[in-house]
PDB file of all heavy atoms in Angstrom:
ATOM      1  N   ASP A   1     -16.235   3.550  -6.013  1.00  0.00           N
ATOM      2  CA  ASP A   1     -16.630   3.814  -4.632  1.00  0.00           C
ATOM      3  C   ASP A   1     -17.089   2.555  -3.938  1.00  0.00           C
ATOM      4  O   ASP A   1     -17.132   2.451  -2.734  1.00  0.00           O
ATOM      5  CB  ASP A   1     -17.886   4.737  -4.639  1.00  0.00           C
ATOM      6  CG  ASP A   1     -17.418   6.205  -5.023  1.00  0.00           C
ATOM      7  OD1 ASP A   1     -16.261   6.506  -4.835  1.00  0.00           O
ATOM      8  OD2 ASP A   1     -18.240   6.851  -5.626  1.00  0.00           O
ATOM      9  N   ASN A   2     -17.479   1.463  -4.698  1.00  0.00           N
ATOM     10  CA  ASN A   2     -18.007   0.231  -4.120  1.00  0.00           C
ATOM     11  C   ASN A   2     -17.232  -1.008  -4.560  1.00  0.00           C
ATOM     12  O   ASN A   2     -17.690  -2.093  -4.339  1.00  0.00           O
ATOM     13  CB  ASN A   2     -19.460   0.056  -4.466  1.00  0.00           C
ATOM     14  CG  ASN A   2     -20.292   1.265  -3.873  1.00  0.00           C
ATOM     15  OD1 ASN A   2     -20.335   1.423  -2.682  1.00  0.00           O
ATOM     16  ND2 ASN A   2     -20.953   1.943  -4.797  1.00  0.00           N
ATOM     17  N   PHE A   3     -16.052  -0.811  -5.252  1.00  0.00           N
ATOM     18  CA  PHE A   3     -15.300  -1.914  -5.799  1.00  0.00           C
ATOM     19  C   PHE A   3     -14.672  -2.764  -4.631  1.00  0.00           C
ATOM     20  O   PHE A   3     -14.803  -4.027  -4.584  1.00  0.00           O
ATOM     21  CB  PHE A   3     -14.154  -1.489  -6.720  1.00  0.00           C
ATOM     22  CG  PHE A   3     -13.392  -2.473  -7.361  1.00  0.00           C
ATOM     23  CD1 PHE A   3     -13.913  -3.194  -8.419  1.00  0.00           C
ATOM     24  CD2 PHE A   3     -12.130  -2.732  -6.871  1.00  0.00           C
ATOM     25  CE1 PHE A   3     -13.163  -4.203  -8.983  1.00  0.00           C
ATOM     26  CE2 PHE A   3     -11.364  -3.795  -7.412  1.00  0.00           C
ATOM     27  CZ  PHE A   3     -11.821  -4.525  -8.543  1.00  0.00           C
ATOM     28  N   PHE A   4     -14.011  -2.050  -3.697  1.00  0.00           N
ATOM     29  CA  PHE A   4     -13.427  -2.698  -2.568  1.00  0.00           C
ATOM     30  C   PHE A   4     -14.413  -2.735  -1.315  1.00  0.00           C
ATOM     31  O   PHE A   4     -15.350  -1.852  -1.255  1.00  0.00           O
ATOM     32  CB  PHE A   4     -12.172  -1.896  -2.097  1.00  0.00           C
ATOM     33  CG  PHE A   4     -11.060  -1.897  -3.130  1.00  0.00           C
ATOM     34  CD1 PHE A   4     -10.803  -0.767  -3.791  1.00  0.00           C
ATOM     35  CD2 PHE A   4     -10.221  -3.073  -3.228  1.00  0.00           C
ATOM     36  CE1 PHE A   4      -9.750  -0.806  -4.733  1.00  0.00           C
ATOM     37  CE2 PHE A   4      -9.231  -3.075  -4.192  1.00  0.00           C
ATOM     38  CZ  PHE A   4      -8.985  -1.883  -4.897  1.00  0.00           C
ATOM     39  N   SER A   5     -14.262  -3.753  -0.558  1.00  0.00           N
ATOM     40  CA  SER A   5     -15.192  -3.944   0.632  1.00  0.00           C
ATOM     41  C   SER A   5     -14.854  -2.869   1.597  1.00  0.00           C
ATOM     42  O   SER A   5     -15.746  -2.269   2.279  1.00  0.00           O
ATOM     43  CB  SER A   5     -14.967  -5.252   1.295  1.00  0.00           C
ATOM     44  OG  SER A   5     -13.568  -5.455   1.752  1.00  0.00           O
ATOM     45  N   ARG A   6     -13.635  -2.379   1.728  1.00  0.00           N
ATOM     46  CA  ARG A   6     -13.182  -1.280   2.550  1.00  0.00           C
ATOM     47  C   ARG A   6     -11.845  -0.695   1.971  1.00  0.00           C
ATOM     48  O   ARG A   6     -11.053  -1.425   1.378  1.00  0.00           O
ATOM     49  CB  ARG A   6     -13.084  -1.618   3.942  1.00  0.00           C
ATOM     50  CG  ARG A   6     -11.960  -2.592   4.288  1.00  0.00           C
ATOM     51  CD  ARG A   6     -11.958  -3.041   5.846  1.00  0.00           C
ATOM     52  NE  ARG A   6     -10.985  -4.029   6.118  1.00  0.00           N
ATOM     53  CZ  ARG A   6      -9.719  -3.726   6.467  1.00  0.00           C
ATOM     54  NH1 ARG A   6      -9.294  -2.396   6.541  1.00  0.00           N
ATOM     55  NH2 ARG A   6      -8.836  -4.711   6.742  1.00  0.00           N
ATOM     56  N   ILE A   7     -11.652   0.616   2.186  1.00  0.00           N
ATOM     57  CA  ILE A   7     -10.424   1.176   1.905  1.00  0.00           C
ATOM     58  C   ILE A   7      -9.880   1.880   3.149  1.00  0.00           C
ATOM     59  O   ILE A   7     -10.494   2.730   3.674  1.00  0.00           O
ATOM     60  CB  ILE A   7     -10.618   2.246   0.765  1.00  0.00           C
ATOM     61  CG1 ILE A   7     -11.040   1.659  -0.538  1.00  0.00           C
ATOM     62  CG2 ILE A   7      -9.225   2.966   0.520  1.00  0.00           C
ATOM     63  CD1 ILE A   7     -11.212   2.590  -1.719  1.00  0.00           C
ATOM     64  N   GLU A   8      -8.704   1.429   3.593  1.00  0.00           N
ATOM     65  CA  GLU A   8      -8.183   1.918   4.761  1.00  0.00           C
ATOM     66  C   GLU A   8      -7.199   3.043   4.527  1.00  0.00           C
ATOM     67  O   GLU A   8      -6.228   2.750   3.658  1.00  0.00           O
ATOM     68  CB  GLU A   8      -7.532   0.717   5.605  1.00  0.00           C
ATOM     69  CG  GLU A   8      -6.924   1.135   6.861  1.00  0.00           C
ATOM     70  CD  GLU A   8      -6.302  -0.014   7.719  1.00  0.00           C
ATOM     71  OE1 GLU A   8      -6.627  -1.116   7.315  1.00  0.00           O
ATOM     72  OE2 GLU A   8      -5.496   0.319   8.587  1.00  0.00           O
ATOM     73  N   GLU A   9      -7.292   4.176   5.152  1.00  0.00           N
ATOM     74  CA  GLU A   9      -6.333   5.283   5.007  1.00  0.00           C
ATOM     75  C   GLU A   9      -5.262   5.126   6.035  1.00  0.00           C
ATOM     76  O   GLU A   9      -5.548   5.296   7.305  1.00  0.00           O
ATOM     77  CB  GLU A   9      -6.913   6.622   5.156  1.00  0.00           C
ATOM     78  CG  GLU A   9      -8.006   6.867   3.969  1.00  0.00           C
ATOM     79  CD  GLU A   9      -8.635   8.226   4.080  1.00  0.00           C
ATOM     80  OE1 GLU A   9      -9.338   8.432   5.164  1.00  0.00           O
ATOM     81  OE2 GLU A   9      -8.502   9.064   3.209  1.00  0.00           O
ATOM     82  N   VAL A  10      -4.020   4.818   5.667  1.00  0.00           N
ATOM     83  CA  VAL A  10      -2.861   4.561   6.620  1.00  0.00           C
ATOM     84  C   VAL A  10      -2.013   5.802   6.759  1.00  0.00           C
ATOM     85  O   VAL A  10      -1.129   5.831   7.641  1.00  0.00           O
ATOM     86  CB  VAL A  10      -2.069   3.340   6.164  1.00  0.00           C
ATOM     87  CG1 VAL A  10      -2.945   2.118   6.080  1.00  0.00           C
ATOM     88  CG2 VAL A  10      -1.424   3.615   4.747  1.00  0.00           C
ATOM     89  N   GLY A  11      -2.221   6.788   5.953  1.00  0.00           N
ATOM     90  CA  GLY A  11      -1.414   8.073   6.073  1.00  0.00           C
ATOM     91  C   GLY A  11      -0.068   7.910   5.495  1.00  0.00           C
ATOM     92  O   GLY A  11       0.350   6.787   4.896  1.00  0.00           O
ATOM     93  N   ARG A  12       0.715   8.967   5.482  1.00  0.00           N
ATOM     94  CA  ARG A  12       1.994   9.025   4.968  1.00  0.00           C
ATOM     95  C   ARG A  12       3.047   8.573   5.966  1.00  0.00           C
ATOM     96  O   ARG A  12       2.746   8.704   7.186  1.00  0.00           O
ATOM     97  CB  ARG A  12       2.335  10.385   4.413  1.00  0.00           C
ATOM     98  CG  ARG A  12       1.350  10.894   3.368  1.00  0.00           C
ATOM     99  CD  ARG A  12       1.807  12.162   2.758  1.00  0.00           C
ATOM    100  NE  ARG A  12       3.034  11.960   1.907  1.00  0.00           N
ATOM    101  CZ  ARG A  12       2.952  11.624   0.631  1.00  0.00           C
ATOM    102  NH1 ARG A  12       1.833  11.446   0.015  1.00  0.00           N
ATOM    103  NH2 ARG A  12       4.054  11.539  -0.081  1.00  0.00           N
ATOM    104  N   PRO A  13       4.205   8.123   5.532  1.00  0.00           N
ATOM    105  CA  PRO A  13       4.689   7.915   4.276  1.00  0.00           C
ATOM    106  C   PRO A  13       3.991   6.766   3.541  1.00  0.00           C
ATOM    107  O   PRO A  13       3.424   5.894   4.155  1.00  0.00           O
ATOM    108  CB  PRO A  13       6.173   7.725   4.376  1.00  0.00           C
ATOM    109  CG  PRO A  13       6.289   7.121   5.655  1.00  0.00           C
ATOM    110  CD  PRO A  13       5.334   7.715   6.548  1.00  0.00           C
ATOM    111  N   MET A  14       4.094   6.723   2.189  1.00  0.00           N
ATOM    112  CA  MET A  14       3.401   5.720   1.405  1.00  0.00           C
ATOM    113  C   MET A  14       3.937   4.384   1.701  1.00  0.00           C
ATOM    114  O   MET A  14       3.262   3.342   1.304  1.00  0.00           O
ATOM    115  CB  MET A  14       3.509   6.114  -0.127  1.00  0.00           C
ATOM    116  CG  MET A  14       2.457   5.455  -0.937  1.00  0.00           C
ATOM    117  SD  MET A  14       2.648   5.981  -2.704  1.00  0.00           S
ATOM    118  CE  MET A  14       2.236   7.732  -2.559  1.00  0.00           C
ATOM    119  N   GLU A  15       5.096   4.224   2.158  1.00  0.00           N
ATOM    120  CA  GLU A  15       5.676   2.925   2.552  1.00  0.00           C
ATOM    121  C   GLU A  15       4.737   2.206   3.524  1.00  0.00           C
ATOM    122  O   GLU A  15       4.725   0.925   3.505  1.00  0.00           O
ATOM    123  CB  GLU A  15       7.024   2.984   3.262  1.00  0.00           C
ATOM    124  CG  GLU A  15       8.174   3.419   2.216  1.00  0.00           C
ATOM    125  CD  GLU A  15       8.292   4.822   1.970  1.00  0.00           C
ATOM    126  OE1 GLU A  15       7.336   5.619   2.354  1.00  0.00           O
ATOM    127  OE2 GLU A  15       9.250   5.328   1.370  1.00  0.00           O
ATOM    128  N   ARG A  16       3.920   2.913   4.189  1.00  0.00           N
ATOM    129  CA  ARG A  16       2.935   2.184   5.078  1.00  0.00           C
ATOM    130  C   ARG A  16       1.938   1.390   4.409  1.00  0.00           C
ATOM    131  O   ARG A  16       1.473   0.337   4.837  1.00  0.00           O
ATOM    132  CB  ARG A  16       2.203   3.227   5.995  1.00  0.00           C
ATOM    133  CG  ARG A  16       3.054   3.963   6.957  1.00  0.00           C
ATOM    134  CD  ARG A  16       2.266   4.977   7.679  1.00  0.00           C
ATOM    135  NE  ARG A  16       3.033   5.780   8.685  1.00  0.00           N
ATOM    136  CZ  ARG A  16       2.546   6.751   9.377  1.00  0.00           C
ATOM    137  NH1 ARG A  16       1.349   7.128   9.287  1.00  0.00           N
ATOM    138  NH2 ARG A  16       3.372   7.473  10.325  1.00  0.00           N
ATOM    139  N   VAL A  17       1.612   1.781   3.097  1.00  0.00           N
ATOM    140  CA  VAL A  17       0.655   0.972   2.300  1.00  0.00           C
ATOM    141  C   VAL A  17       1.396  -0.341   1.880  1.00  0.00           C
ATOM    142  O   VAL A  17       0.705  -1.478   1.978  1.00  0.00           O
ATOM    143  CB  VAL A  17       0.289   1.805   1.034  1.00  0.00           C
ATOM    144  CG1 VAL A  17      -0.598   1.004   0.117  1.00  0.00           C
ATOM    145  CG2 VAL A  17      -0.436   3.046   1.405  1.00  0.00           C
ATOM    146  N   VAL A  18       2.627  -0.304   1.498  1.00  0.00           N
ATOM    147  CA  VAL A  18       3.347  -1.535   1.156  1.00  0.00           C
ATOM    148  C   VAL A  18       3.392  -2.406   2.340  1.00  0.00           C
ATOM    149  O   VAL A  18       3.228  -3.734   2.231  1.00  0.00           O
ATOM    150  CB  VAL A  18       4.743  -1.193   0.707  1.00  0.00           C
ATOM    151  CG1 VAL A  18       5.523  -2.457   0.301  1.00  0.00           C
ATOM    152  CG2 VAL A  18       4.662  -0.267  -0.551  1.00  0.00           C
ATOM    153  N   GLU A  19       3.688  -1.909   3.509  1.00  0.00           N
ATOM    154  CA  GLU A  19       3.775  -2.677   4.772  1.00  0.00           C
ATOM    155  C   GLU A  19       2.444  -3.402   5.091  1.00  0.00           C
ATOM    156  O   GLU A  19       2.353  -4.581   5.425  1.00  0.00           O
ATOM    157  CB  GLU A  19       4.217  -1.886   5.940  1.00  0.00           C
ATOM    158  CG  GLU A  19       4.354  -2.616   7.149  1.00  0.00           C
ATOM    159  CD  GLU A  19       4.815  -1.746   8.415  1.00  0.00           C
ATOM    160  OE1 GLU A  19       5.123  -0.582   8.106  1.00  0.00           O
ATOM    161  OE2 GLU A  19       4.811  -2.277   9.477  1.00  0.00           O
ATOM    162  N   ALA A  20       1.300  -2.616   4.846  1.00  0.00           N
ATOM    163  CA  ALA A  20       0.001  -3.131   5.203  1.00  0.00           C
ATOM    164  C   ALA A  20      -0.301  -4.347   4.290  1.00  0.00           C
ATOM    165  O   ALA A  20      -0.994  -5.267   4.707  1.00  0.00           O
ATOM    166  CB  ALA A  20      -1.039  -2.068   4.978  1.00  0.00           C
ATOM    167  N   VAL A  21       0.087  -4.313   3.023  1.00  0.00           N
ATOM    168  CA  VAL A  21      -0.101  -5.429   2.059  1.00  0.00           C
ATOM    169  C   VAL A  21       0.778  -6.554   2.451  1.00  0.00           C
ATOM    170  O   VAL A  21       0.352  -7.719   2.482  1.00  0.00           O
ATOM    171  CB  VAL A  21       0.045  -4.963   0.587  1.00  0.00           C
ATOM    172  CG1 VAL A  21      -0.049  -6.156  -0.321  1.00  0.00           C
ATOM    173  CG2 VAL A  21      -0.907  -3.851   0.256  1.00  0.00           C
ATOM    174  N   ALA A  22       2.081  -6.296   2.628  1.00  0.00           N
ATOM    175  CA  ALA A  22       3.034  -7.344   2.906  1.00  0.00           C
ATOM    176  C   ALA A  22       2.759  -8.129   4.131  1.00  0.00           C
ATOM    177  O   ALA A  22       2.999  -9.393   4.164  1.00  0.00           O
ATOM    178  CB  ALA A  22       4.513  -6.726   2.943  1.00  0.00           C
ATOM    179  N   THR A  23       2.124  -7.434   5.115  1.00  0.00           N
ATOM    180  CA  THR A  23       1.842  -8.153   6.450  1.00  0.00           C
ATOM    181  C   THR A  23       0.474  -8.788   6.460  1.00  0.00           C
ATOM    182  O   THR A  23       0.111  -9.382   7.493  1.00  0.00           O
ATOM    183  CB  THR A  23       2.047  -7.162   7.572  1.00  0.00           C
ATOM    184  OG1 THR A  23       1.131  -6.052   7.406  1.00  0.00           O
ATOM    185  CG2 THR A  23       3.472  -6.629   7.713  1.00  0.00           C
ATOM    186  N   GLY A  24      -0.268  -8.647   5.351  1.00  0.00           N
ATOM    187  CA  GLY A  24      -1.580  -9.271   5.303  1.00  0.00           C
ATOM    188  C   GLY A  24      -2.629  -8.433   6.007  1.00  0.00           C
ATOM    189  O   GLY A  24      -3.760  -8.997   6.214  1.00  0.00           O
ATOM    190  N   ARG A  25      -2.386  -7.205   6.314  1.00  0.00           N
ATOM    191  CA  ARG A  25      -3.384  -6.429   6.971  1.00  0.00           C
ATOM    192  C   ARG A  25      -4.503  -6.058   6.025  1.00  0.00           C
ATOM    193  O   ARG A  25      -5.697  -5.980   6.414  1.00  0.00           O
ATOM    194  CB  ARG A  25      -2.691  -5.090   7.415  1.00  0.00           C
ATOM    195  CG  ARG A  25      -3.538  -4.110   8.212  1.00  0.00           C
ATOM    196  CD  ARG A  25      -2.708  -3.119   8.772  1.00  0.00           C
ATOM    197  NE  ARG A  25      -3.361  -1.842   8.908  1.00  0.00           N
ATOM    198  CZ  ARG A  25      -2.749  -0.700   9.302  1.00  0.00           C
ATOM    199  NH1 ARG A  25      -1.486  -0.708   9.566  1.00  0.00           N
ATOM    200  NH2 ARG A  25      -3.426   0.407   9.381  1.00  0.00           N
ATOM    201  N   VAL A  26      -4.151  -5.886   4.693  1.00  0.00           N
ATOM    202  CA  VAL A  26      -5.191  -5.744   3.676  1.00  0.00           C
ATOM    203  C   VAL A  26      -4.853  -6.646   2.509  1.00  0.00           C
ATOM    204  O   VAL A  26      -3.610  -7.113   2.341  1.00  0.00           O
ATOM    205  CB  VAL A  26      -5.272  -4.197   3.164  1.00  0.00           C
ATOM    206  CG1 VAL A  26      -5.828  -3.386   4.352  1.00  0.00           C
ATOM    207  CG2 VAL A  26      -3.887  -3.772   2.827  1.00  0.00           C
ATOM    208  N   ASP A  27      -5.745  -6.769   1.579  1.00  0.00           N
ATOM    209  CA  ASP A  27      -5.495  -7.575   0.383  1.00  0.00           C
ATOM    210  C   ASP A  27      -4.707  -6.910  -0.732  1.00  0.00           C
ATOM    211  O   ASP A  27      -3.988  -7.481  -1.429  1.00  0.00           O
ATOM    212  CB  ASP A  27      -6.825  -8.081  -0.206  1.00  0.00           C
ATOM    213  CG  ASP A  27      -7.627  -8.842   0.774  1.00  0.00           C
ATOM    214  OD1 ASP A  27      -7.041  -9.902   1.231  1.00  0.00           O
ATOM    215  OD2 ASP A  27      -8.823  -8.506   1.067  1.00  0.00           O
ATOM    216  N   ALA A  28      -4.855  -5.576  -0.795  1.00  0.00           N
ATOM    217  CA  ALA A  28      -4.289  -4.809  -1.919  1.00  0.00           C
ATOM    218  C   ALA A  28      -3.801  -3.431  -1.425  1.00  0.00           C
ATOM    219  O   ALA A  28      -4.339  -3.013  -0.416  1.00  0.00           O
ATOM    220  CB  ALA A  28      -5.239  -4.693  -3.157  1.00  0.00           C
ATOM    221  N   GLY A  29      -2.924  -2.871  -2.231  1.00  0.00           N
ATOM    222  CA  GLY A  29      -2.537  -1.500  -1.818  1.00  0.00           C
ATOM    223  C   GLY A  29      -2.434  -0.582  -3.069  1.00  0.00           C
ATOM    224  O   GLY A  29      -2.166  -1.074  -4.248  1.00  0.00           O
ATOM    225  N   LEU A  30      -2.785   0.606  -2.974  1.00  0.00           N
ATOM    226  CA  LEU A  30      -2.736   1.541  -4.101  1.00  0.00           C
ATOM    227  C   LEU A  30      -1.550   2.489  -3.807  1.00  0.00           C
ATOM    228  O   LEU A  30      -1.613   3.312  -2.850  1.00  0.00           O
ATOM    229  CB  LEU A  30      -4.038   2.366  -4.178  1.00  0.00           C
ATOM    230  CG  LEU A  30      -5.315   1.574  -4.124  1.00  0.00           C
ATOM    231  CD1 LEU A  30      -6.527   2.497  -4.402  1.00  0.00           C
ATOM    232  CD2 LEU A  30      -5.330   0.476  -5.127  1.00  0.00           C
ATOM    233  N   ILE A  31      -0.534   2.433  -4.622  1.00  0.00           N
ATOM    234  CA  ILE A  31       0.708   3.214  -4.407  1.00  0.00           C
ATOM    235  C   ILE A  31       1.071   3.878  -5.719  1.00  0.00           C
ATOM    236  O   ILE A  31       0.468   3.575  -6.794  1.00  0.00           O
ATOM    237  CB  ILE A  31       1.857   2.342  -3.936  1.00  0.00           C
ATOM    238  CG1 ILE A  31       2.255   1.311  -5.051  1.00  0.00           C
ATOM    239  CG2 ILE A  31       1.581   1.685  -2.621  1.00  0.00           C
ATOM    240  CD1 ILE A  31       3.487   0.546  -4.730  1.00  0.00           C
ATOM    241  N   LYS A  32       1.959   4.775  -5.742  1.00  0.00           N
ATOM    242  CA  LYS A  32       2.410   5.390  -6.942  1.00  0.00           C
ATOM    243  C   LYS A  32       3.479   4.621  -7.637  1.00  0.00           C
ATOM    244  O   LYS A  32       4.304   3.918  -6.933  1.00  0.00           O
ATOM    245  CB  LYS A  32       2.947   6.852  -6.717  1.00  0.00           C
ATOM    246  CG  LYS A  32       4.332   6.954  -6.073  1.00  0.00           C
ATOM    247  CD  LYS A  32       4.712   8.441  -5.922  1.00  0.00           C
ATOM    248  CE  LYS A  32       6.187   8.537  -5.558  1.00  0.00           C
ATOM    249  NZ  LYS A  32       7.077   8.229  -6.653  1.00  0.00           N
ATOM    250  N   ALA A  33       3.524   4.630  -8.954  1.00  0.00           N
ATOM    251  CA  ALA A  33       4.410   3.909  -9.706  1.00  0.00           C
ATOM    252  C   ALA A  33       5.875   4.265  -9.275  1.00  0.00           C
ATOM    253  O   ALA A  33       6.119   5.488  -9.242  1.00  0.00           O
ATOM    254  CB  ALA A  33       4.150   4.062 -11.250  1.00  0.00           C
ATOM    255  N   GLY A  34       6.745   3.346  -9.104  1.00  0.00           N
ATOM    256  CA  GLY A  34       8.092   3.648  -8.737  1.00  0.00           C
ATOM    257  C   GLY A  34       8.475   3.439  -7.340  1.00  0.00           C
ATOM    258  O   GLY A  34       9.639   3.187  -6.992  1.00  0.00           O
ATOM    259  N   LEU A  35       7.424   3.421  -6.475  1.00  0.00           N
ATOM    260  CA  LEU A  35       7.741   3.198  -5.044  1.00  0.00           C
ATOM    261  C   LEU A  35       8.281   1.906  -4.774  1.00  0.00           C
ATOM    262  O   LEU A  35       9.259   1.717  -4.040  1.00  0.00           O
ATOM    263  CB  LEU A  35       6.490   3.527  -4.233  1.00  0.00           C
ATOM    264  CG  LEU A  35       6.680   3.314  -2.723  1.00  0.00           C
ATOM    265  CD1 LEU A  35       7.636   4.255  -2.181  1.00  0.00           C
ATOM    266  CD2 LEU A  35       5.300   3.419  -1.984  1.00  0.00           C
ATOM    267  N   MET A  36       7.707   0.882  -5.378  1.00  0.00           N
ATOM    268  CA  MET A  36       8.106  -0.502  -5.137  1.00  0.00           C
ATOM    269  C   MET A  36       9.612  -0.718  -5.478  1.00  0.00           C
ATOM    270  O   MET A  36      10.470  -1.287  -4.764  1.00  0.00           O
ATOM    271  CB  MET A  36       7.256  -1.533  -5.883  1.00  0.00           C
ATOM    272  CG  MET A  36       7.605  -3.002  -5.563  1.00  0.00           C
ATOM    273  SD  MET A  36       6.707  -4.181  -6.490  1.00  0.00           S
ATOM    274  CE  MET A  36       7.573  -4.087  -8.018  1.00  0.00           C
ATOM    275  N   GLU A  37      10.020  -0.175  -6.749  1.00  0.00           N
ATOM    276  CA  GLU A  37      11.317  -0.294  -7.198  1.00  0.00           C
ATOM    277  C   GLU A  37      12.430   0.383  -6.339  1.00  0.00           C
ATOM    278  O   GLU A  37      13.423  -0.081  -5.995  1.00  0.00           O
ATOM    279  CB  GLU A  37      11.435   0.226  -8.677  1.00  0.00           C
ATOM    280  CG  GLU A  37      10.826  -0.620  -9.769  1.00  0.00           C
ATOM    281  CD  GLU A  37       9.342  -0.266  -9.885  1.00  0.00           C
ATOM    282  OE1 GLU A  37       8.649   0.365  -8.994  1.00  0.00           O
ATOM    283  OE2 GLU A  37       8.770  -0.574 -10.940  1.00  0.00           O
ATOM    284  N   LEU A  38      11.951   1.560  -5.881  1.00  0.00           N
ATOM    285  CA  LEU A  38      12.829   2.376  -4.929  1.00  0.00           C
ATOM    286  C   LEU A  38      12.986   1.654  -3.625  1.00  0.00           C
ATOM    287  O   LEU A  38      14.039   1.603  -3.002  1.00  0.00           O
ATOM    288  CB  LEU A  38      12.233   3.796  -4.760  1.00  0.00           C
ATOM    289  CG  LEU A  38      12.274   4.589  -6.014  1.00  0.00           C
ATOM    290  CD1 LEU A  38      11.390   5.917  -5.915  1.00  0.00           C
ATOM    291  CD2 LEU A  38      13.660   5.044  -6.310  1.00  0.00           C
ATOM    292  N   MET A  39      11.978   1.036  -3.125  1.00  0.00           N
ATOM    293  CA  MET A  39      12.068   0.359  -1.834  1.00  0.00           C
ATOM    294  C   MET A  39      12.965  -0.996  -1.936  1.00  0.00           C
ATOM    295  O   MET A  39      13.651  -1.325  -1.106  1.00  0.00           O
ATOM    296  CB  MET A  39      10.660   0.020  -1.321  1.00  0.00           C
ATOM    297  CG  MET A  39       9.852   1.198  -0.888  1.00  0.00           C
ATOM    298  SD  MET A  39       8.200   0.788  -0.226  1.00  0.00           S
ATOM    299  CE  MET A  39       8.664  -0.182   1.252  1.00  0.00           C
ATOM    300  N   LEU A  40      12.778  -1.616  -3.202  1.00  0.00           N
ATOM    301  CA  LEU A  40      13.620  -2.776  -3.447  1.00  0.00           C
ATOM    302  C   LEU A  40      15.065  -2.442  -3.483  1.00  0.00           C
ATOM    303  O   LEU A  40      15.897  -3.066  -2.903  1.00  0.00           O
ATOM    304  CB  LEU A  40      13.159  -3.511  -4.732  1.00  0.00           C
ATOM    305  CG  LEU A  40      11.869  -4.309  -4.665  1.00  0.00           C
ATOM    306  CD1 LEU A  40      11.552  -4.642  -6.105  1.00  0.00           C
ATOM    307  CD2 LEU A  40      12.002  -5.442  -3.811  1.00  0.00           C
ATOM    308  N   ALA A  41      15.333  -1.259  -4.119  1.00  0.00           N
ATOM    309  CA  ALA A  41      16.738  -0.783  -4.145  1.00  0.00           C
ATOM    310  C   ALA A  41      17.300  -0.380  -2.813  1.00  0.00           C
ATOM    311  O   ALA A  41      18.497  -0.630  -2.542  1.00  0.00           O
ATOM    312  CB  ALA A  41      16.845   0.367  -5.174  1.00  0.00           C
ATOM    313  N   ALA A  42      16.361  -0.035  -1.940  1.00  0.00           N
ATOM    314  CA  ALA A  42      16.881   0.356  -0.524  1.00  0.00           C
ATOM    315  C   ALA A  42      16.905  -0.967   0.348  1.00  0.00           C
ATOM    316  O   ALA A  42      17.243  -0.828   1.586  1.00  0.00           O
ATOM    317  CB  ALA A  42      15.897   1.343   0.026  1.00  0.00           C
TER     318      ALA A  42
END
């Protein structure tokens, strides 16, 4: 509950979490395993 300074809820689809991390909006993202590989394939 207190590990991160803040946790931002970006809503679905989960690709929004990846975008938030890649663009520097947040430091880290919590996603389900497999999403990164599927996005890379796409």
